[in-house]
Structures are given as structure tokens and as C-alpha cells.
Amino acid sequence: MQSPIPIRDRSSSHPFDSPTLDRQVQPGYSNPVKQKESPAVRVKVVTLVPMTEAEYEAFLEWAIPDYAQDNVRSGTWPEAEALQRSEEQYRELLPQGLHTPGHYLFTVRDPKLDSSVGLLWFSLELARPGKPAFLYQFKIEEAFRRQGYGLAALRALEEKVRALGAGAILLHVFGHNAPARTLYEKAGYATIDLVMAKGLAPAEDA
């Protein structure tokens, strides 16, 4: 979440910089990295369609435990508390579900296939400097990964938030989520903050 919104390959991005969220989770952009890509991959076109209530419920069933496990894996939360904390953060961020003001949840669809290929969730923070949108969650379904849908969805996201008045897109990526980081690098995102950690062995008895 990646983010919650997880999202951001398993493109999942997660939340940061919110009064309801742990401050040690920080935003991440990535520097561009050139990747080999076939011409067919470059021409994918997707549309963003507002989630239905049924799609939203299915989204929560996946996203809440996914975000909990990402926080366990990163060492942010103990496993015994992770699911509860994740549920609490989703309730705080989306108190009115799909109708929460300032939050936008979409299904990513391929109009040629007439099929859903993923999802994304972002908020608008137009009162902040730069008028950013924050990408909380981004996911491309397993069957459609590495086919250009991730980049196509990010392009559609840029068009959507620009039309809504945003001047930038922020997102967070957990350090262990290398596929998502690679995708954002290819889409032109750049790192603006970085948190690093090193585990230490217990101190020896004096």
C-alpha cells in the first residue's frame, strides 16, 4: 500500500507522509535505467475505470495482508501485529471506502481484450507544495506482467492526475521490491529520499 498501496512484475507501492502512517516509511523514486523492450511492449494502451464496490472488496482482501507482509519483511512491524496494523491503516486512509474524498481507486483495463489487467489507487494533495498525487497502490496481475502494461498504466496515471491538477507523482517502494523499483526507473521516476538499515547482532555480555 504501495504502497497501502503496495504497488506497484508485482508493481505495488505503499503509503508515506501521512499522520496515520509510520514515519520510517519514506517515499522513493528511481533513476532511469535503460531496459531492452520489444516494439510490441511499447504500444500497450490501457484505460483507468473507477472500481466497483465488488472490485473494491476484492482489492481489500488482497491489499491488507499484502501490505502487512511487506512491513514484516522490511522489519517495520512484528508479524503478530502486522495484519491488525494494516487493517487499521486502511480504515484510517479510506474511512468512506470508494467515496473517501481525495482518493481515487481504479481498475486498469485493456480495451482490446475487454479485460482487467491490474489496479491502482492514488490520492491528491493539492494543498502541498508541488501539488503532488501520491500513488498508494499499484498492481499488475500475474498473467499480464512483463508485457508493457505497467508502463502503460503509469502513463495513464500521469494523464489522469495532470487533468486533476497535480504537478507531480510521489510513491513509496519497499527496498526488497526490486521488480517495482525497476518498473518505476523505466518510467522515469527518480529517488528523492532513501532510508537504509543494517541489522546488528546482540551485544556480548561484558
C-alpha atoms as a PDB file:
ATOM      1  CA  MET A   1       0.000   0.000   0.000  1.00  0.00           C
ATOM      2  CA  GLN A   2       2.315   0.766  -2.052  1.00  0.00           C
ATOM      3  CA  SER A   3       2.176   1.021  -1.188  1.00  0.00           C
ATOM      4  CA  PRO A   4      -1.073   0.732   1.326  1.00  0.00           C
ATOM      5  CA  ILE A   5      -0.715   0.895  -1.777  1.00  0.00           C
ATOM      6  CA  PRO A   6       1.573  -1.900  -2.135  1.00  0.00           C
ATOM      7  CA  ILE A   7       2.201  -1.021  -5.845  1.00  0.00           C
ATOM      8  CA  ARG A   8       3.251  -1.033  -7.621  1.00  0.00           C
ATOM      9  CA  ASP A   9       6.178  -7.583 -12.096  1.00  0.00           C
ATOM     10  CA  ARG A  10       4.320  -7.261  -8.726  1.00  0.00           C
ATOM     11  CA  SER A  11       4.041  -3.482  -9.006  1.00  0.00           C
ATOM     12  CA  SER A  12       2.963  -2.381  -5.557  1.00  0.00           C
ATOM     13  CA  SER A  13       3.584   0.859  -3.853  1.00  0.00           C
ATOM     14  CA  HIS A  14       2.903   1.850  -0.321  1.00  0.00           C
ATOM     15  CA  PRO A  15       1.923   4.887   1.799  1.00  0.00           C
ATOM     16  CA  PHE A  16       4.109   7.500   3.456  1.00  0.00           C
ATOM     17  CA  ASP A  17       3.989  11.022   4.806  1.00  0.00           C
ATOM     18  CA  SER A  18       0.553  10.762   6.399  1.00  0.00           C
ATOM     19  CA  PRO A  19      -0.428  11.378  10.038  1.00  0.00           C
ATOM     20  CA  THR A  20      -1.830   7.845  10.144  1.00  0.00           C
ATOM     21  CA  LEU A  21       1.315   6.126   8.881  1.00  0.00           C
ATOM     22  CA  ASP A  22       4.658   5.104  10.350  1.00  0.00           C
ATOM     23  CA  ARG A  23       7.217   7.832   9.644  1.00  0.00           C
ATOM     24  CA  GLN A  24      10.059   5.423   8.933  1.00  0.00           C
ATOM     25  CA  VAL A  25       8.394   4.535   5.627  1.00  0.00           C
ATOM     26  CA  GLN A  26       9.696   7.143   3.175  1.00  0.00           C
ATOM     27  CA  PRO A  27       8.971   7.972  -0.484  1.00  0.00           C
ATOM     28  CA  GLY A  28      11.005   6.595  -3.317  1.00  0.00           C
ATOM     29  CA  TYR A  29      11.591   7.490  -6.911  1.00  0.00           C
ATOM     30  CA  SER A  30      14.146   5.681  -9.022  1.00  0.00           C
ATOM     31  CA  ASN A  31      16.690   6.870 -11.581  1.00  0.00           C
ATOM     32  CA  PRO A  32      16.014   5.873 -15.193  1.00  0.00           C
ATOM     33  CA  VAL A  33      17.602   2.615 -16.312  1.00  0.00           C
ATOM     34  CA  LYS A  34      17.544   1.507 -19.945  1.00  0.00           C
ATOM     35  CA  GLN A  35      15.949  -1.886 -20.498  1.00  0.00           C
ATOM     36  CA  LYS A  36      15.586  -3.973 -23.654  1.00  0.00           C
ATOM     37  CA  GLU A  37      11.991  -3.848 -24.785  1.00  0.00           C
ATOM     38  CA  SER A  38      10.273  -5.227 -27.857  1.00  0.00           C
ATOM     39  CA  PRO A  39       8.242  -2.914 -30.128  1.00  0.00           C
ATOM     40  CA  ALA A  40       5.070  -4.789 -29.148  1.00  0.00           C
ATOM     41  CA  VAL A  41       5.604  -3.920 -25.485  1.00  0.00           C
ATOM     42  CA  ARG A  42       5.834  -0.196 -26.183  1.00  0.00           C
ATOM     43  CA  VAL A  43       2.383   0.162 -27.733  1.00  0.00           C
ATOM     44  CA  LYS A  44       0.156  -1.148 -24.943  1.00  0.00           C
ATOM     45  CA  VAL A  45      -2.821   1.093 -24.220  1.00  0.00           C
ATOM     46  CA  VAL A  46      -4.915   0.854 -21.070  1.00  0.00           C
ATOM     47  CA  THR A  47      -7.819   2.744 -19.558  1.00  0.00           C
ATOM     48  CA  LEU A  48      -8.472   3.570 -15.905  1.00  0.00           C
ATOM     49  CA  VAL A  49     -12.000   2.648 -14.854  1.00  0.00           C
ATOM     50  CA  PRO A  50     -13.357   3.530 -11.394  1.00  0.00           C
ATOM     51  CA  MET A  51     -13.590   0.457  -9.168  1.00  0.00           C
ATOM     52  CA  THR A  52     -16.983  -1.033  -8.435  1.00  0.00           C
ATOM     53  CA  GLU A  53     -17.914  -1.948  -4.863  1.00  0.00           C
ATOM     54  CA  ALA A  54     -17.286  -5.620  -5.641  1.00  0.00           C
ATOM     55  CA  GLU A  55     -13.848  -4.805  -7.072  1.00  0.00           C
ATOM     56  CA  TYR A  56     -13.078  -2.675  -4.018  1.00  0.00           C
ATOM     57  CA  GLU A  57     -13.904  -5.508  -1.625  1.00  0.00           C
ATOM     58  CA  ALA A  58     -11.702  -7.881  -3.638  1.00  0.00           C
ATOM     59  CA  PHE A  59      -8.953  -5.255  -3.574  1.00  0.00           C
ATOM     60  CA  LEU A  60      -9.044  -5.060   0.235  1.00  0.00           C
ATOM     61  CA  GLU A  61      -8.915  -8.851   0.565  1.00  0.00           C
ATOM     62  CA  TRP A  62      -5.612  -8.827  -1.311  1.00  0.00           C
ATOM     63  CA  ALA A  63      -4.109  -5.479  -0.283  1.00  0.00           C
ATOM     64  CA  ILE A  64      -4.420  -5.625   3.514  1.00  0.00           C
ATOM     65  CA  PRO A  65      -2.495  -8.892   4.038  1.00  0.00           C
ATOM     66  CA  ASP A  66      -0.063  -7.960   1.242  1.00  0.00           C
ATOM     67  CA  TYR A  67       0.840  -4.679   2.945  1.00  0.00           C
ATOM     68  CA  ALA A  68       1.126  -6.464   6.302  1.00  0.00           C
ATOM     69  CA  GLN A  69       3.618  -8.971   4.885  1.00  0.00           C
ATOM     70  CA  ASP A  70       5.669  -6.243   3.192  1.00  0.00           C
ATOM     71  CA  ASN A  71       6.045  -4.498   6.552  1.00  0.00           C
ATOM     72  CA  VAL A  72       7.049  -7.767   8.222  1.00  0.00           C
ATOM     73  CA  ARG A  73       9.607  -8.478   5.521  1.00  0.00           C
ATOM     74  CA  SER A  74      11.062  -4.967   5.805  1.00  0.00           C
ATOM     75  CA  GLY A  75      11.335  -5.308   9.589  1.00  0.00           C
ATOM     76  CA  THR A  76       8.909  -2.448  10.250  1.00  0.00           C
ATOM     77  CA  TRP A  77       6.252  -4.495  12.073  1.00  0.00           C
ATOM     78  CA  PRO A  78       6.318  -7.716  14.117  1.00  0.00           C
ATOM     79  CA  GLU A  79       4.400 -10.486  12.375  1.00  0.00           C
ATOM     80  CA  ALA A  80       1.964 -10.925  15.262  1.00  0.00           C
ATOM     81  CA  GLU A  81       0.733  -7.324  14.894  1.00  0.00           C
ATOM     82  CA  ALA A  82       1.099  -6.788  11.168  1.00  0.00           C
ATOM     83  CA  LEU A  83      -2.361  -7.733   9.933  1.00  0.00           C
ATOM     84  CA  GLN A  84      -4.122  -5.650  12.576  1.00  0.00           C
ATOM     85  CA  ARG A  85      -1.931  -2.629  11.875  1.00  0.00           C
ATOM     86  CA  SER A  86      -2.537  -2.959   8.140  1.00  0.00           C
ATOM     87  CA  GLU A  87      -6.305  -3.133   8.657  1.00  0.00           C
ATOM     88  CA  GLU A  88      -6.181  -0.065  10.891  1.00  0.00           C
ATOM     89  CA  GLN A  89      -4.227   1.969   8.347  1.00  0.00           C
ATOM     90  CA  TYR A  90      -6.601   1.086   5.535  1.00  0.00           C
ATOM     91  CA  ARG A  91      -9.578   2.096   7.686  1.00  0.00           C
ATOM     92  CA  GLU A  92      -7.893   5.403   8.553  1.00  0.00           C
ATOM     93  CA  LEU A  93      -6.927   6.169   4.965  1.00  0.00           C
ATOM     94  CA  LEU A  94     -10.229   5.074   3.407  1.00  0.00           C
ATOM     95  CA  PRO A  95     -12.889   5.712   6.080  1.00  0.00           C
ATOM     96  CA  GLN A  96     -15.583   6.051   3.416  1.00  0.00           C
ATOM     97  CA  GLY A  97     -14.239   3.350   1.134  1.00  0.00           C
ATOM     98  CA  LEU A  98     -14.532   4.237  -2.542  1.00  0.00           C
ATOM     99  CA  HIS A  99     -16.219   7.510  -1.574  1.00  0.00           C
ATOM    100  CA  THR A 100     -13.373   8.834   0.602  1.00  0.00           C
ATOM    101  CA  PRO A 101     -12.715  12.438  -0.516  1.00  0.00           C
ATOM    102  CA  GLY A 102      -9.427  12.984  -2.326  1.00  0.00           C
ATOM    103  CA  HIS A 103      -8.828   9.287  -3.017  1.00  0.00           C
ATOM    104  CA  TYR A 104      -9.207   7.613  -6.395  1.00  0.00           C
ATOM    105  CA  LEU A 105      -9.289   3.848  -6.976  1.00  0.00           C
ATOM    106  CA  PHE A 106      -9.244   2.417 -10.482  1.00  0.00           C
ATOM    107  CA  THR A 107      -9.191  -0.868 -12.306  1.00  0.00           C
ATOM    108  CA  VAL A 108      -6.606  -0.932 -15.091  1.00  0.00           C
ATOM    109  CA  ARG A 109      -8.245  -2.351 -18.227  1.00  0.00           C
ATOM    110  CA  ASP A 110      -7.049  -3.358 -21.681  1.00  0.00           C
ATOM    111  CA  PRO A 111      -9.835  -2.153 -24.008  1.00  0.00           C
ATOM    112  CA  LYS A 112      -8.729  -4.501 -26.806  1.00  0.00           C
ATOM    113  CA  LEU A 113      -9.063  -7.532 -24.556  1.00  0.00           C
ATOM    114  CA  ASP A 114     -12.015  -6.044 -22.657  1.00  0.00           C
ATOM    115  CA  SER A 115     -10.287  -7.335 -19.533  1.00  0.00           C
ATOM    116  CA  SER A 116      -8.939  -6.060 -16.243  1.00  0.00           C
ATOM    117  CA  VAL A 117      -5.135  -6.282 -16.061  1.00  0.00           C
ATOM    118  CA  GLY A 118      -4.473  -4.549 -12.735  1.00  0.00           C
ATOM    119  CA  LEU A 119      -5.410  -1.783 -10.326  1.00  0.00           C
ATOM    120  CA  LEU A 120      -4.152   1.445  -8.830  1.00  0.00           C
ATOM    121  CA  TRP A 121      -5.050   3.827  -6.026  1.00  0.00           C
ATOM    122  CA  PHE A 122      -3.871   7.398  -5.570  1.00  0.00           C
ATOM    123  CA  SER A 123      -4.722  10.488  -3.574  1.00  0.00           C
ATOM    124  CA  LEU A 124      -4.418  14.177  -4.420  1.00  0.00           C
ATOM    125  CA  GLU A 125      -2.649  16.546  -2.048  1.00  0.00           C
ATOM    126  CA  LEU A 126      -3.108  19.798  -3.944  1.00  0.00           C
ATOM    127  CA  ALA A 127      -2.519  21.968  -0.864  1.00  0.00           C
ATOM    128  CA  ARG A 128       1.087  20.709  -0.576  1.00  0.00           C
ATOM    129  CA  PRO A 129       3.976  22.356  -2.459  1.00  0.00           C
ATOM    130  CA  GLY A 130       4.139  20.971  -5.972  1.00  0.00           C
ATOM    131  CA  LYS A 131       0.516  19.763  -5.796  1.00  0.00           C
ATOM    132  CA  PRO A 132       1.500  16.079  -5.730  1.00  0.00           C
ATOM    133  CA  ALA A 133      -0.561  12.974  -6.222  1.00  0.00           C
ATOM    134  CA  PHE A 134       0.511  10.029  -4.079  1.00  0.00           C
ATOM    135  CA  LEU A 135       0.364   6.537  -5.561  1.00  0.00           C
ATOM    136  CA  TYR A 136      -0.678   4.307  -2.684  1.00  0.00           C
ATOM    137  CA  GLN A 137      -1.194   1.042  -4.531  1.00  0.00           C
ATOM    138  CA  PHE A 138      -0.297  -0.265  -7.958  1.00  0.00           C
ATOM    139  CA  LYS A 139      -0.577  -3.836  -9.158  1.00  0.00           C
ATOM    140  CA  ILE A 140      -0.441  -5.607 -12.498  1.00  0.00           C
ATOM    141  CA  GLU A 141      -1.964  -9.080 -12.397  1.00  0.00           C
ATOM    142  CA  GLU A 142       0.453 -12.004 -12.738  1.00  0.00           C
ATOM    143  CA  ALA A 143      -0.839 -13.118 -16.151  1.00  0.00           C
ATOM    144  CA  PHE A 144      -0.181  -9.665 -17.649  1.00  0.00           C
ATOM    145  CA  ARG A 145       3.243  -8.838 -16.232  1.00  0.00           C
ATOM    146  CA  ARG A 146       6.295  -8.123 -18.422  1.00  0.00           C
ATOM    147  CA  GLN A 147       4.047  -7.257 -21.350  1.00  0.00           C
ATOM    148  CA  GLY A 148       4.164  -3.464 -21.118  1.00  0.00           C
ATOM    149  CA  TYR A 149       1.038  -2.997 -19.010  1.00  0.00           C
ATOM    150  CA  GLY A 150       2.943  -1.496 -16.079  1.00  0.00           C
ATOM    151  CA  LEU A 151       4.393   1.330 -18.154  1.00  0.00           C
ATOM    152  CA  ALA A 152       1.074   1.840 -19.935  1.00  0.00           C
ATOM    153  CA  ALA A 153      -0.744   2.122 -16.610  1.00  0.00           C
ATOM    154  CA  LEU A 154       1.795   4.641 -15.297  1.00  0.00           C
ATOM    155  CA  ARG A 155       1.345   6.734 -18.440  1.00  0.00           C
ATOM    156  CA  ALA A 156      -2.426   6.641 -17.941  1.00  0.00           C
ATOM    157  CA  LEU A 157      -1.906   7.640 -14.303  1.00  0.00           C
ATOM    158  CA  GLU A 158       0.149  10.670 -15.371  1.00  0.00           C
ATOM    159  CA  GLU A 159      -2.597  11.801 -17.730  1.00  0.00           C
ATOM    160  CA  LYS A 160      -5.255  11.326 -15.049  1.00  0.00           C
ATOM    161  CA  VAL A 161      -3.512  13.229 -12.255  1.00  0.00           C
ATOM    162  CA  ARG A 162      -2.390  16.018 -14.593  1.00  0.00           C
ATOM    163  CA  ALA A 163      -6.014  16.545 -15.629  1.00  0.00           C
ATOM    164  CA  LEU A 164      -6.957  16.729 -11.929  1.00  0.00           C
ATOM    165  CA  GLY A 165      -4.394  19.479 -11.299  1.00  0.00           C
ATOM    166  CA  ALA A 166      -1.447  17.539  -9.850  1.00  0.00           C
ATOM    167  CA  GLY A 167       2.094  18.689 -10.568  1.00  0.00           C
ATOM    168  CA  ALA A 168       3.982  15.546  -9.511  1.00  0.00           C
ATOM    169  CA  ILE A 169       3.518  11.920  -8.509  1.00  0.00           C
ATOM    170  CA  LEU A 170       5.031  10.568  -5.298  1.00  0.00           C
ATOM    171  CA  LEU A 171       5.261   6.917  -4.301  1.00  0.00           C
ATOM    172  CA  HIS A 172       6.991   4.590  -1.869  1.00  0.00           C
ATOM    173  CA  VAL A 173       8.736   1.314  -2.704  1.00  0.00           C
ATOM    174  CA  PHE A 174       9.939  -1.205  -0.140  1.00  0.00           C
ATOM    175  CA  GLY A 175      13.636  -1.931  -0.588  1.00  0.00           C
ATOM    176  CA  HIS A 176      13.024  -5.637  -1.213  1.00  0.00           C
ATOM    177  CA  ASN A 177      10.608  -4.984  -4.089  1.00  0.00           C
ATOM    178  CA  ALA A 178      13.155  -4.932  -6.912  1.00  0.00           C
ATOM    179  CA  PRO A 179      10.658  -5.517  -9.776  1.00  0.00           C
ATOM    180  CA  ALA A 180       8.610  -2.478  -8.784  1.00  0.00           C
ATOM    181  CA  ARG A 181      11.725  -0.323  -8.449  1.00  0.00           C
ATOM    182  CA  THR A 182      12.864  -1.374 -11.929  1.00  0.00           C
ATOM    183  CA  LEU A 183       9.469  -0.504 -13.394  1.00  0.00           C
ATOM    184  CA  TYR A 184       9.477   2.967 -11.861  1.00  0.00           C
ATOM    185  CA  GLU A 185      13.028   3.533 -13.103  1.00  0.00           C
ATOM    186  CA  LYS A 186      11.907   2.712 -16.633  1.00  0.00           C
ATOM    187  CA  ALA A 187       9.007   5.151 -16.238  1.00  0.00           C
ATOM    188  CA  GLY A 188      11.398   7.980 -15.310  1.00  0.00           C
ATOM    189  CA  TYR A 189      10.937   8.240 -11.546  1.00  0.00           C
ATOM    190  CA  ALA A 190      13.923   9.458  -9.510  1.00  0.00           C
ATOM    191  CA  THR A 191      14.896   8.874  -5.874  1.00  0.00           C
ATOM    192  CA  ILE A 192      14.183  11.879  -3.639  1.00  0.00           C
ATOM    193  CA  ASP A 193      14.741  10.183  -0.266  1.00  0.00           C
ATOM    194  CA  LEU A 194      16.349   6.956   0.848  1.00  0.00           C
ATOM    195  CA  VAL A 195      16.266   5.128   4.179  1.00  0.00           C
ATOM    196  CA  MET A 196      18.916   2.454   4.789  1.00  0.00           C
ATOM    197  CA  ALA A 197      19.246  -0.083   7.602  1.00  0.00           C
ATOM    198  CA  LYS A 198      21.734  -2.597   8.934  1.00  0.00           C
ATOM    199  CA  GLY A 199      20.831  -5.305  11.412  1.00  0.00           C
ATOM    200  CA  LEU A 200      23.124  -5.706  14.428  1.00  0.00           C
ATOM    201  CA  ALA A 201      23.957  -8.796  16.427  1.00  0.00           C
ATOM    202  CA  PRO A 202      23.097  -8.646  20.145  1.00  0.00           C
ATOM    203  CA  ALA A 203      25.765  -7.082  22.336  1.00  0.00           C
ATOM    204  CA  GLU A 204      28.050  -9.591  24.023  1.00  0.00           C
ATOM    205  CA  ASP A 205      27.934  -9.761  27.800  1.00  0.00           C
ATOM    206  CA  ALA A 206      30.656  -7.603  29.378  1.00  0.00           C
END
